[in-house]
Amino acid sequence: VAAGAANGGFDSILDATKKMARIKDEVITPIPENVAVY
C-alpha cells in the first residue's frame, strides 16, 4: 500500500485485502455438550 498502485502495489489496504488475505477452508465448530459443561 505504501508503494501505491502506480508502482505495482495497492492504493488502499482494502484493495490489498481482496487480493492477498487468506484463511483456511475448514472451520472449528463448538460441540454442544462441551459448551454446556464449560
PDB file of all heavy atoms in Angstrom:
ATOM      1  N   VAL A   1       0.838  -1.204   0.000  1.00  0.00           N
ATOM      2  CA  VAL A   1       0.000   0.000   0.000  1.00  0.00           C
ATOM      3  C   VAL A   1       0.873   1.255   0.000  1.00  0.00           C
ATOM      4  O   VAL A   1       0.551   2.254  -0.661  1.00  0.00           O
ATOM      5  CB  VAL A   1      -0.964  -0.013   1.204  1.00  0.00           C
ATOM      6  CG1 VAL A   1      -1.720   1.311   1.325  1.00  0.00           C
ATOM      7  CG2 VAL A   1      -1.956  -1.177   1.084  1.00  0.00           C
ATOM      8  N   ALA A   2       1.978   1.205   0.733  1.00  0.00           N
ATOM      9  CA  ALA A   2       2.896   2.346   0.744  1.00  0.00           C
ATOM     10  C   ALA A   2       3.439   2.615  -0.657  1.00  0.00           C
ATOM     11  O   ALA A   2       3.682   3.768  -1.040  1.00  0.00           O
ATOM     12  CB  ALA A   2       4.045   2.088   1.720  1.00  0.00           C
ATOM     13  N   ALA A   3       3.631   1.546  -1.449  1.00  0.00           N
ATOM     14  CA  ALA A   3       4.131   1.701  -2.819  1.00  0.00           C
ATOM     15  C   ALA A   3       3.088   2.347  -3.723  1.00  0.00           C
ATOM     16  O   ALA A   3       3.422   3.157  -4.588  1.00  0.00           O
ATOM     17  CB  ALA A   3       4.545   0.341  -3.373  1.00  0.00           C
ATOM     18  N   GLY A   4       1.816   1.972  -3.541  1.00  0.00           N
ATOM     19  CA  GLY A   4       0.752   2.517  -4.371  1.00  0.00           C
ATOM     20  C   GLY A   4       0.559   1.738  -5.661  1.00  0.00           C
ATOM     21  O   GLY A   4       1.481   1.080  -6.159  1.00  0.00           O
ATOM     22  N   ALA A   5      -0.637   1.808  -6.202  1.00  0.00           N
ATOM     23  CA  ALA A   5      -0.978   1.055  -7.412  1.00  0.00           C
ATOM     24  C   ALA A   5      -0.122   1.468  -8.606  1.00  0.00           C
ATOM     25  O   ALA A   5       0.218   0.643  -9.463  1.00  0.00           O
ATOM     26  CB  ALA A   5      -2.464   1.233  -7.728  1.00  0.00           C
ATOM     27  N   ALA A   6       0.235   2.741  -8.674  1.00  0.00           N
ATOM     28  CA  ALA A   6       1.031   3.224  -9.805  1.00  0.00           C
ATOM     29  C   ALA A   6       2.397   2.552  -9.873  1.00  0.00           C
ATOM     30  O   ALA A   6       3.003   2.478 -10.949  1.00  0.00           O
ATOM     31  CB  ALA A   6       1.190   4.740  -9.709  1.00  0.00           C
ATOM     32  N   ASN A   7       2.865   2.037  -8.729  1.00  0.00           N
ATOM     33  CA  ASN A   7       4.174   1.377  -8.671  1.00  0.00           C
ATOM     34  C   ASN A   7       4.059  -0.134  -8.512  1.00  0.00           C
ATOM     35  O   ASN A   7       5.013  -0.802  -8.108  1.00  0.00           O
ATOM     36  CB  ASN A   7       5.002   1.963  -7.532  1.00  0.00           C
ATOM     37  CG  ASN A   7       5.324   3.422  -7.753  1.00  0.00           C
ATOM     38  OD1 ASN A   7       5.862   3.795  -8.793  1.00  0.00           O
ATOM     39  ND2 ASN A   7       4.979   4.267  -6.794  1.00  0.00           N
ATOM     40  N   GLY A   8       2.873  -0.666  -8.813  1.00  0.00           N
ATOM     41  CA  GLY A   8       2.674  -2.105  -8.743  1.00  0.00           C
ATOM     42  C   GLY A   8       2.075  -2.601  -7.456  1.00  0.00           C
ATOM     43  O   GLY A   8       1.867  -3.813  -7.292  1.00  0.00           O
ATOM     44  N   GLY A   9       1.786  -1.699  -6.506  1.00  0.00           N
ATOM     45  CA  GLY A   9       1.180  -2.089  -5.238  1.00  0.00           C
ATOM     46  C   GLY A   9      -0.319  -1.854  -5.229  1.00  0.00           C
ATOM     47  O   GLY A   9      -1.015  -2.134  -6.207  1.00  0.00           O
ATOM     48  N   PHE A  10      -0.816  -1.308  -4.112  1.00  0.00           N
ATOM     49  CA  PHE A  10      -2.256  -1.054  -3.961  1.00  0.00           C
ATOM     50  C   PHE A  10      -2.464   0.353  -3.420  1.00  0.00           C
ATOM     51  O   PHE A  10      -1.592   0.904  -2.734  1.00  0.00           O
ATOM     52  CB  PHE A  10      -2.887  -2.067  -3.002  1.00  0.00           C
ATOM     53  CG  PHE A  10      -2.742  -3.505  -3.433  1.00  0.00           C
ATOM     54  CD1 PHE A  10      -1.742  -4.305  -2.886  1.00  0.00           C
ATOM     55  CD2 PHE A  10      -3.586  -4.044  -4.386  1.00  0.00           C
ATOM     56  CE1 PHE A  10      -1.581  -5.623  -3.284  1.00  0.00           C
ATOM     57  CE2 PHE A  10      -3.448  -5.375  -4.791  1.00  0.00           C
ATOM     58  CZ  PHE A  10      -2.445  -6.161  -4.245  1.00  0.00           C
ATOM     59  N   ASP A  11      -3.621   0.909  -3.683  1.00  0.00           N
ATOM     60  CA  ASP A  11      -3.924   2.256  -3.205  1.00  0.00           C
ATOM     61  C   ASP A  11      -4.588   2.269  -1.841  1.00  0.00           C
ATOM     62  O   ASP A  11      -4.704   3.319  -1.215  1.00  0.00           O
ATOM     63  CB  ASP A  11      -4.810   2.991  -4.215  1.00  0.00           C
ATOM     64  CG  ASP A  11      -4.007   3.482  -5.417  1.00  0.00           C
ATOM     65  OD1 ASP A  11      -2.789   3.689  -5.270  1.00  0.00           O
ATOM     66  OD2 ASP A  11      -4.604   3.640  -6.494  1.00  0.00           O
ATOM     67  N   SER A  12      -5.052   1.107  -1.360  1.00  0.00           N
ATOM     68  CA  SER A  12      -5.658   1.045  -0.022  1.00  0.00           C
ATOM     69  C   SER A  12      -5.477  -0.345   0.541  1.00  0.00           C
ATOM     70  O   SER A  12      -5.280  -1.325  -0.207  1.00  0.00           O
ATOM     71  CB  SER A  12      -7.154   1.386  -0.072  1.00  0.00           C
ATOM     72  OG  SER A  12      -7.890   0.308  -0.628  1.00  0.00           O
ATOM     73  N   ILE A  13      -5.554  -0.463   1.869  1.00  0.00           N
ATOM     74  CA  ILE A  13      -5.415  -1.772   2.499  1.00  0.00           C
ATOM     75  C   ILE A  13      -6.606  -2.662   2.155  1.00  0.00           C
ATOM     76  O   ILE A  13      -6.478  -3.892   2.071  1.00  0.00           O
ATOM     77  CB  ILE A  13      -5.232  -1.632   4.036  1.00  0.00           C
ATOM     78  CG1 ILE A  13      -4.795  -2.965   4.651  1.00  0.00           C
ATOM     79  CG2 ILE A  13      -6.493  -1.114   4.696  1.00  0.00           C
ATOM     80  CD1 ILE A  13      -3.454  -3.488   4.152  1.00  0.00           C
ATOM     81  N   LEU A  14      -7.765  -2.070   1.880  1.00  0.00           N
ATOM     82  CA  LEU A  14      -8.923  -2.875   1.478  1.00  0.00           C
ATOM     83  C   LEU A  14      -8.696  -3.500   0.109  1.00  0.00           C
ATOM     84  O   LEU A  14      -9.089  -4.645  -0.135  1.00  0.00           O
ATOM     85  CB  LEU A  14     -10.188  -2.016   1.494  1.00  0.00           C
ATOM     86  CG  LEU A  14     -10.619  -1.512   2.875  1.00  0.00           C
ATOM     87  CD1 LEU A  14     -11.842  -0.605   2.762  1.00  0.00           C
ATOM     88  CD2 LEU A  14     -10.911  -2.683   3.812  1.00  0.00           C
ATOM     89  N   ASP A  15      -8.048  -2.761  -0.795  1.00  0.00           N
ATOM     90  CA  ASP A  15      -7.712  -3.337  -2.104  1.00  0.00           C
ATOM     91  C   ASP A  15      -6.737  -4.496  -1.940  1.00  0.00           C
ATOM     92  O   ASP A  15      -6.865  -5.543  -2.604  1.00  0.00           O
ATOM     93  CB  ASP A  15      -7.083  -2.263  -3.005  1.00  0.00           C
ATOM     94  CG  ASP A  15      -8.071  -1.207  -3.440  1.00  0.00           C
ATOM     95  OD1 ASP A  15      -9.294  -1.460  -3.361  1.00  0.00           O
ATOM     96  OD2 ASP A  15      -7.628  -0.118  -3.863  1.00  0.00           O
ATOM     97  N   ALA A  16      -5.762  -4.328  -1.057  1.00  0.00           N
ATOM     98  CA  ALA A  16      -4.785  -5.398  -0.813  1.00  0.00           C
ATOM     99  C   ALA A  16      -5.464  -6.622  -0.210  1.00  0.00           C
ATOM    100  O   ALA A  16      -5.146  -7.773  -0.564  1.00  0.00           O
ATOM    101  CB  ALA A  16      -3.681  -4.895   0.111  1.00  0.00           C
ATOM    102  N   THR A  17      -6.419  -6.386   0.679  1.00  0.00           N
ATOM    103  CA  THR A  17      -7.130  -7.492   1.340  1.00  0.00           C
ATOM    104  C   THR A  17      -7.855  -8.371   0.327  1.00  0.00           C
ATOM    105  O   THR A  17      -7.855  -9.601   0.441  1.00  0.00           O
ATOM    106  CB  THR A  17      -8.121  -6.921   2.384  1.00  0.00           C
ATOM    107  OG1 THR A  17      -7.378  -6.245   3.390  1.00  0.00           O
ATOM    108  CG2 THR A  17      -8.952  -8.013   3.012  1.00  0.00           C
ATOM    109  N   LYS A  18      -8.477  -7.758  -0.653  1.00  0.00           N
ATOM    110  CA  LYS A  18      -9.242  -8.514  -1.660  1.00  0.00           C
ATOM    111  C   LYS A  18      -8.352  -9.487  -2.429  1.00  0.00           C
ATOM    112  O   LYS A  18      -8.796 -10.550  -2.842  1.00  0.00           O
ATOM    113  CB  LYS A  18      -9.918  -7.553  -2.633  1.00  0.00           C
ATOM    114  CG  LYS A  18     -11.022  -6.719  -1.992  1.00  0.00           C
ATOM    115  CD  LYS A  18     -11.496  -5.616  -2.922  1.00  0.00           C
ATOM    116  CE  LYS A  18     -12.479  -4.675  -2.219  1.00  0.00           C
ATOM    117  NZ  LYS A  18     -12.846  -3.526  -3.069  1.00  0.00           N
ATOM    118  N   LYS A  19      -7.091  -9.139  -2.616  1.00  0.00           N
ATOM    119  CA  LYS A  19      -6.177  -9.985  -3.396  1.00  0.00           C
ATOM    120  C   LYS A  19      -5.371 -10.954  -2.546  1.00  0.00           C
ATOM    121  O   LYS A  19      -5.079 -12.078  -2.963  1.00  0.00           O
ATOM    122  CB  LYS A  19      -5.191  -9.079  -4.158  1.00  0.00           C
ATOM    123  CG  LYS A  19      -5.779  -8.403  -5.378  1.00  0.00           C
ATOM    124  CD  LYS A  19      -5.560  -9.274  -6.603  1.00  0.00           C
ATOM    125  CE  LYS A  19      -5.873  -8.493  -7.872  1.00  0.00           C
ATOM    126  NZ  LYS A  19      -5.582  -9.295  -9.073  1.00  0.00           N
ATOM    127  N   MET A  20      -4.976 -10.514  -1.329  1.00  0.00           N
ATOM    128  CA  MET A  20      -3.921 -11.217  -0.616  1.00  0.00           C
ATOM    129  C   MET A  20      -4.342 -11.944   0.650  1.00  0.00           C
ATOM    130  O   MET A  20      -3.607 -12.816   1.134  1.00  0.00           O
ATOM    131  CB  MET A  20      -2.804 -10.211  -0.264  1.00  0.00           C
ATOM    132  CG  MET A  20      -2.172  -9.560  -1.485  1.00  0.00           C
ATOM    133  SD  MET A  20      -0.954  -8.283  -1.039  1.00  0.00           S
ATOM    134  CE  MET A  20       0.336  -9.290  -0.289  1.00  0.00           C
ATOM    135  N   ALA A  21      -5.495 -11.612   1.227  1.00  0.00           N
ATOM    136  CA  ALA A  21      -5.903 -12.218   2.501  1.00  0.00           C
ATOM    137  C   ALA A  21      -6.209 -13.706   2.316  1.00  0.00           C
ATOM    138  O   ALA A  21      -6.749 -14.114   1.285  1.00  0.00           O
ATOM    139  CB  ALA A  21      -7.123 -11.498   3.049  1.00  0.00           C
ATOM    140  N   ARG A  22      -5.887 -14.508   3.356  1.00  0.00           N
ATOM    141  CA  ARG A  22      -6.058 -15.959   3.231  1.00  0.00           C
ATOM    142  C   ARG A  22      -6.462 -16.575   4.562  1.00  0.00           C
ATOM    143  O   ARG A  22      -5.839 -16.323   5.585  1.00  0.00           O
ATOM    144  CB  ARG A  22      -4.746 -16.610   2.766  1.00  0.00           C
ATOM    145  CG  ARG A  22      -4.355 -16.266   1.341  1.00  0.00           C
ATOM    146  CD  ARG A  22      -2.877 -16.493   1.090  1.00  0.00           C
ATOM    147  NE  ARG A  22      -2.435 -17.774   1.619  1.00  0.00           N
ATOM    148  CZ  ARG A  22      -1.222 -17.980   2.113  1.00  0.00           C
ATOM    149  NH1 ARG A  22      -0.348 -16.992   2.187  1.00  0.00           N
ATOM    150  NH2 ARG A  22      -0.879 -19.172   2.558  1.00  0.00           N
ATOM    151  N   ILE A  23      -7.533 -17.396   4.523  1.00  0.00           N
ATOM    152  CA  ILE A  23      -7.901 -18.220   5.684  1.00  0.00           C
ATOM    153  C   ILE A  23      -8.177 -19.639   5.179  1.00  0.00           C
ATOM    154  O   ILE A  23      -8.460 -19.860   4.005  1.00  0.00           O
ATOM    155  CB  ILE A  23      -9.130 -17.683   6.439  1.00  0.00           C
ATOM    156  CG1 ILE A  23     -10.353 -17.584   5.520  1.00  0.00           C
ATOM    157  CG2 ILE A  23      -8.834 -16.361   7.102  1.00  0.00           C
ATOM    158  CD1 ILE A  23     -11.625 -17.292   6.265  1.00  0.00           C
ATOM    159  N   LYS A  24      -8.083 -20.586   6.089  1.00  0.00           N
ATOM    160  CA  LYS A  24      -8.336 -21.987   5.729  1.00  0.00           C
ATOM    161  C   LYS A  24      -9.823 -22.223   5.453  1.00  0.00           C
ATOM    162  O   LYS A  24     -10.682 -21.525   5.993  1.00  0.00           O
ATOM    163  CB  LYS A  24      -7.876 -22.910   6.858  1.00  0.00           C
ATOM    164  CG  LYS A  24      -6.366 -22.971   7.030  1.00  0.00           C
ATOM    165  CD  LYS A  24      -5.987 -23.991   8.100  1.00  0.00           C
ATOM    166  CE  LYS A  24      -4.476 -24.143   8.192  1.00  0.00           C
ATOM    167  NZ  LYS A  24      -4.085 -25.154   9.199  1.00  0.00           N
ATOM    168  N   ASP A  25     -10.090 -23.227   4.639  1.00  0.00           N
ATOM    169  CA  ASP A  25     -11.483 -23.545   4.303  1.00  0.00           C
ATOM    170  C   ASP A  25     -12.217 -24.164   5.494  1.00  0.00           C
ATOM    171  O   ASP A  25     -13.384 -23.861   5.744  1.00  0.00           O
ATOM    172  CB  ASP A  25     -11.532 -24.509   3.114  1.00  0.00           C
ATOM    173  CG  ASP A  25     -11.060 -23.862   1.825  1.00  0.00           C
ATOM    174  OD1 ASP A  25     -11.185 -22.625   1.704  1.00  0.00           O
ATOM    175  OD2 ASP A  25     -10.554 -24.590   0.951  1.00  0.00           O
ATOM    176  N   GLU A  26     -11.530 -25.045   6.230  1.00  0.00           N
ATOM    177  CA  GLU A  26     -12.200 -25.723   7.337  1.00  0.00           C
ATOM    178  C   GLU A  26     -12.340 -24.792   8.538  1.00  0.00           C
ATOM    179  O   GLU A  26     -11.501 -23.917   8.759  1.00  0.00           O
ATOM    180  CB  GLU A  26     -11.453 -26.996   7.744  1.00  0.00           C
ATOM    181  CG  GLU A  26     -10.061 -26.780   8.298  1.00  0.00           C
ATOM    182  CD  GLU A  26      -8.985 -26.867   7.220  1.00  0.00           C
ATOM    183  OE1 GLU A  26      -9.299 -26.612   6.043  1.00  0.00           O
ATOM    184  OE2 GLU A  26      -7.828 -27.164   7.567  1.00  0.00           O
ATOM    185  N   VAL A  27     -13.415 -24.979   9.293  1.00  0.00           N
ATOM    186  CA  VAL A  27     -13.664 -24.173  10.481  1.00  0.00           C
ATOM    187  C   VAL A  27     -13.791 -25.097  11.691  1.00  0.00           C
ATOM    188  O   VAL A  27     -14.030 -26.300  11.549  1.00  0.00           O
ATOM    189  CB  VAL A  27     -14.937 -23.311  10.336  1.00  0.00           C
ATOM    190  CG1 VAL A  27     -14.800 -22.356   9.168  1.00  0.00           C
ATOM    191  CG2 VAL A  27     -16.171 -24.176  10.203  1.00  0.00           C
ATOM    192  N   ILE A  28     -13.617 -24.527  12.871  1.00  0.00           N
ATOM    193  CA  ILE A  28     -13.757 -25.281  14.120  1.00  0.00           C
ATOM    194  C   ILE A  28     -15.073 -24.865  14.752  1.00  0.00           C
ATOM    195  O   ILE A  28     -15.300 -23.678  15.009  1.00  0.00           O
ATOM    196  CB  ILE A  28     -12.584 -24.986  15.064  1.00  0.00           C
ATOM    197  CG1 ILE A  28     -11.256 -25.343  14.383  1.00  0.00           C
ATOM    198  CG2 ILE A  28     -12.727 -25.742  16.382  1.00  0.00           C
ATOM    199  CD1 ILE A  28     -10.038 -24.718  15.022  1.00  0.00           C
ATOM    200  N   THR A  29     -15.953 -25.813  14.974  1.00  0.00           N
ATOM    201  CA  THR A  29     -17.291 -25.501  15.483  1.00  0.00           C
ATOM    202  C   THR A  29     -17.448 -26.001  16.912  1.00  0.00           C
ATOM    203  O   THR A  29     -16.876 -27.037  17.293  1.00  0.00           O
ATOM    204  CB  THR A  29     -18.376 -26.135  14.599  1.00  0.00           C
ATOM    205  OG1 THR A  29     -18.151 -27.552  14.517  1.00  0.00           O
ATOM    206  CG2 THR A  29     -18.338 -25.551  13.195  1.00  0.00           C
ATOM    207  N   PRO A  30     -18.201 -25.284  17.734  1.00  0.00           N
ATOM    208  CA  PRO A  30     -18.417 -25.728  19.119  1.00  0.00           C
ATOM    209  C   PRO A  30     -19.184 -27.051  19.170  1.00  0.00           C
ATOM    210  O   PRO A  30     -20.056 -27.321  18.331  1.00  0.00           O
ATOM    211  CB  PRO A  30     -19.262 -24.592  19.723  1.00  0.00           C
ATOM    212  CG  PRO A  30     -19.132 -23.445  18.779  1.00  0.00           C
ATOM    213  CD  PRO A  30     -18.882 -24.020  17.433  1.00  0.00           C
ATOM    214  N   ILE A  31     -18.854 -27.869  20.154  1.00  0.00           N
ATOM    215  CA  ILE A  31     -19.564 -29.123  20.407  1.00  0.00           C
ATOM    216  C   ILE A  31     -20.575 -28.867  21.519  1.00  0.00           C
ATOM    217  O   ILE A  31     -20.182 -28.526  22.645  1.00  0.00           O
ATOM    218  CB  ILE A  31     -18.572 -30.233  20.815  1.00  0.00           C
ATOM    219  CG1 ILE A  31     -17.548 -30.463  19.684  1.00  0.00           C
ATOM    220  CG2 ILE A  31     -19.306 -31.524  21.163  1.00  0.00           C
ATOM    221  CD1 ILE A  31     -16.380 -31.342  20.082  1.00  0.00           C
ATOM    222  N   PRO A  32     -21.878 -28.970  21.246  1.00  0.00           N
ATOM    223  CA  PRO A  32     -22.908 -28.528  22.204  1.00  0.00           C
ATOM    224  C   PRO A  32     -22.747 -29.101  23.610  1.00  0.00           C
ATOM    225  O   PRO A  32     -22.885 -28.371  24.601  1.00  0.00           O
ATOM    226  CB  PRO A  32     -24.211 -28.986  21.546  1.00  0.00           C
ATOM    227  CG  PRO A  32     -23.907 -28.980  20.075  1.00  0.00           C
ATOM    228  CD  PRO A  32     -22.476 -29.420  19.966  1.00  0.00           C
ATOM    229  N   GLU A  33     -22.451 -30.398  23.726  1.00  0.00           N
ATOM    230  CA  GLU A  33     -22.330 -30.978  25.074  1.00  0.00           C
ATOM    231  C   GLU A  33     -21.118 -30.411  25.816  1.00  0.00           C
ATOM    232  O   GLU A  33     -21.152 -30.252  27.040  1.00  0.00           O
ATOM    233  CB  GLU A  33     -22.272 -32.509  25.015  1.00  0.00           C
ATOM    234  CG  GLU A  33     -21.270 -33.081  24.049  1.00  0.00           C
ATOM    235  CD  GLU A  33     -21.852 -33.372  22.662  1.00  0.00           C
ATOM    236  OE1 GLU A  33     -22.712 -32.601  22.196  1.00  0.00           O
ATOM    237  OE2 GLU A  33     -21.430 -34.383  22.057  1.00  0.00           O
ATOM    238  N   ASN A  34     -20.052 -30.103  25.087  1.00  0.00           N
ATOM    239  CA  ASN A  34     -18.891 -29.474  25.712  1.00  0.00           C
ATOM    240  C   ASN A  34     -19.206 -28.051  26.152  1.00  0.00           C
ATOM    241  O   ASN A  34     -18.771 -27.595  27.221  1.00  0.00           O
ATOM    242  CB  ASN A  34     -17.709 -29.446  24.746  1.00  0.00           C
ATOM    243  CG  ASN A  34     -17.135 -30.825  24.477  1.00  0.00           C
ATOM    244  OD1 ASN A  34     -17.589 -31.813  25.046  1.00  0.00           O
ATOM    245  ND2 ASN A  34     -16.140 -30.890  23.609  1.00  0.00           N
ATOM    246  N   VAL A  35     -19.961 -27.335  25.316  1.00  0.00           N
ATOM    247  CA  VAL A  35     -20.359 -25.961  25.645  1.00  0.00           C
ATOM    248  C   VAL A  35     -21.107 -25.930  26.972  1.00  0.00           C
ATOM    249  O   VAL A  35     -20.860 -25.067  27.826  1.00  0.00           O
ATOM    250  CB  VAL A  35     -21.223 -25.363  24.520  1.00  0.00           C
ATOM    251  CG1 VAL A  35     -21.812 -24.023  24.953  1.00  0.00           C
ATOM    252  CG2 VAL A  35     -20.409 -25.202  23.240  1.00  0.00           C
ATOM    253  N   ALA A  36     -22.002 -26.886  27.172  1.00  0.00           N
ATOM    254  CA  ALA A  36     -22.825 -26.918  28.385  1.00  0.00           C
ATOM    255  C   ALA A  36     -21.959 -27.128  29.629  1.00  0.00           C
ATOM    256  O   ALA A  36     -22.160 -26.472  30.661  1.00  0.00           O
ATOM    257  CB  ALA A  36     -23.872 -28.020  28.270  1.00  0.00           C
ATOM    258  N   VAL A  37     -20.988 -28.040  29.553  1.00  0.00           N
ATOM    259  CA  VAL A  37     -20.128 -28.305  30.710  1.00  0.00           C
ATOM    260  C   VAL A  37     -19.222 -27.110  30.986  1.00  0.00           C
ATOM    261  O   VAL A  37     -19.051 -26.672  32.136  1.00  0.00           O
ATOM    262  CB  VAL A  37     -19.288 -29.581  30.493  1.00  0.00           C
ATOM    263  CG1 VAL A  37     -18.314 -29.782  31.657  1.00  0.00           C
ATOM    264  CG2 VAL A  37     -20.192 -30.792  30.344  1.00  0.00           C
ATOM    265  N   TYR A  38     -18.657 -26.559  29.927  1.00  0.00           N
ATOM    266  CA  TYR A  38     -17.744 -25.430  30.118  1.00  0.00           C
ATOM    267  C   TYR A  38     -18.471 -24.197  30.662  1.00  0.00           C
ATOM    268  O   TYR A  38     -17.860 -23.376  31.356  1.00  0.00           O
ATOM    269  CB  TYR A  38     -17.022 -25.093  28.815  1.00  0.00           C
ATOM    270  CG  TYR A  38     -15.796 -25.935  28.576  1.00  0.00           C
ATOM    271  CD1 TYR A  38     -15.565 -26.534  27.342  1.00  0.00           C
ATOM    272  CD2 TYR A  38     -14.851 -26.132  29.585  1.00  0.00           C
ATOM    273  CE1 TYR A  38     -14.424 -27.301  27.116  1.00  0.00           C
ATOM    274  CE2 TYR A  38     -13.719 -26.904  29.374  1.00  0.00           C
ATOM    275  CZ  TYR A  38     -13.515 -27.488  28.137  1.00  0.00           C
ATOM    276  OH  TYR A  38     -12.395 -28.249  27.939  1.00  0.00           O
TER     277      TYR A  38
END
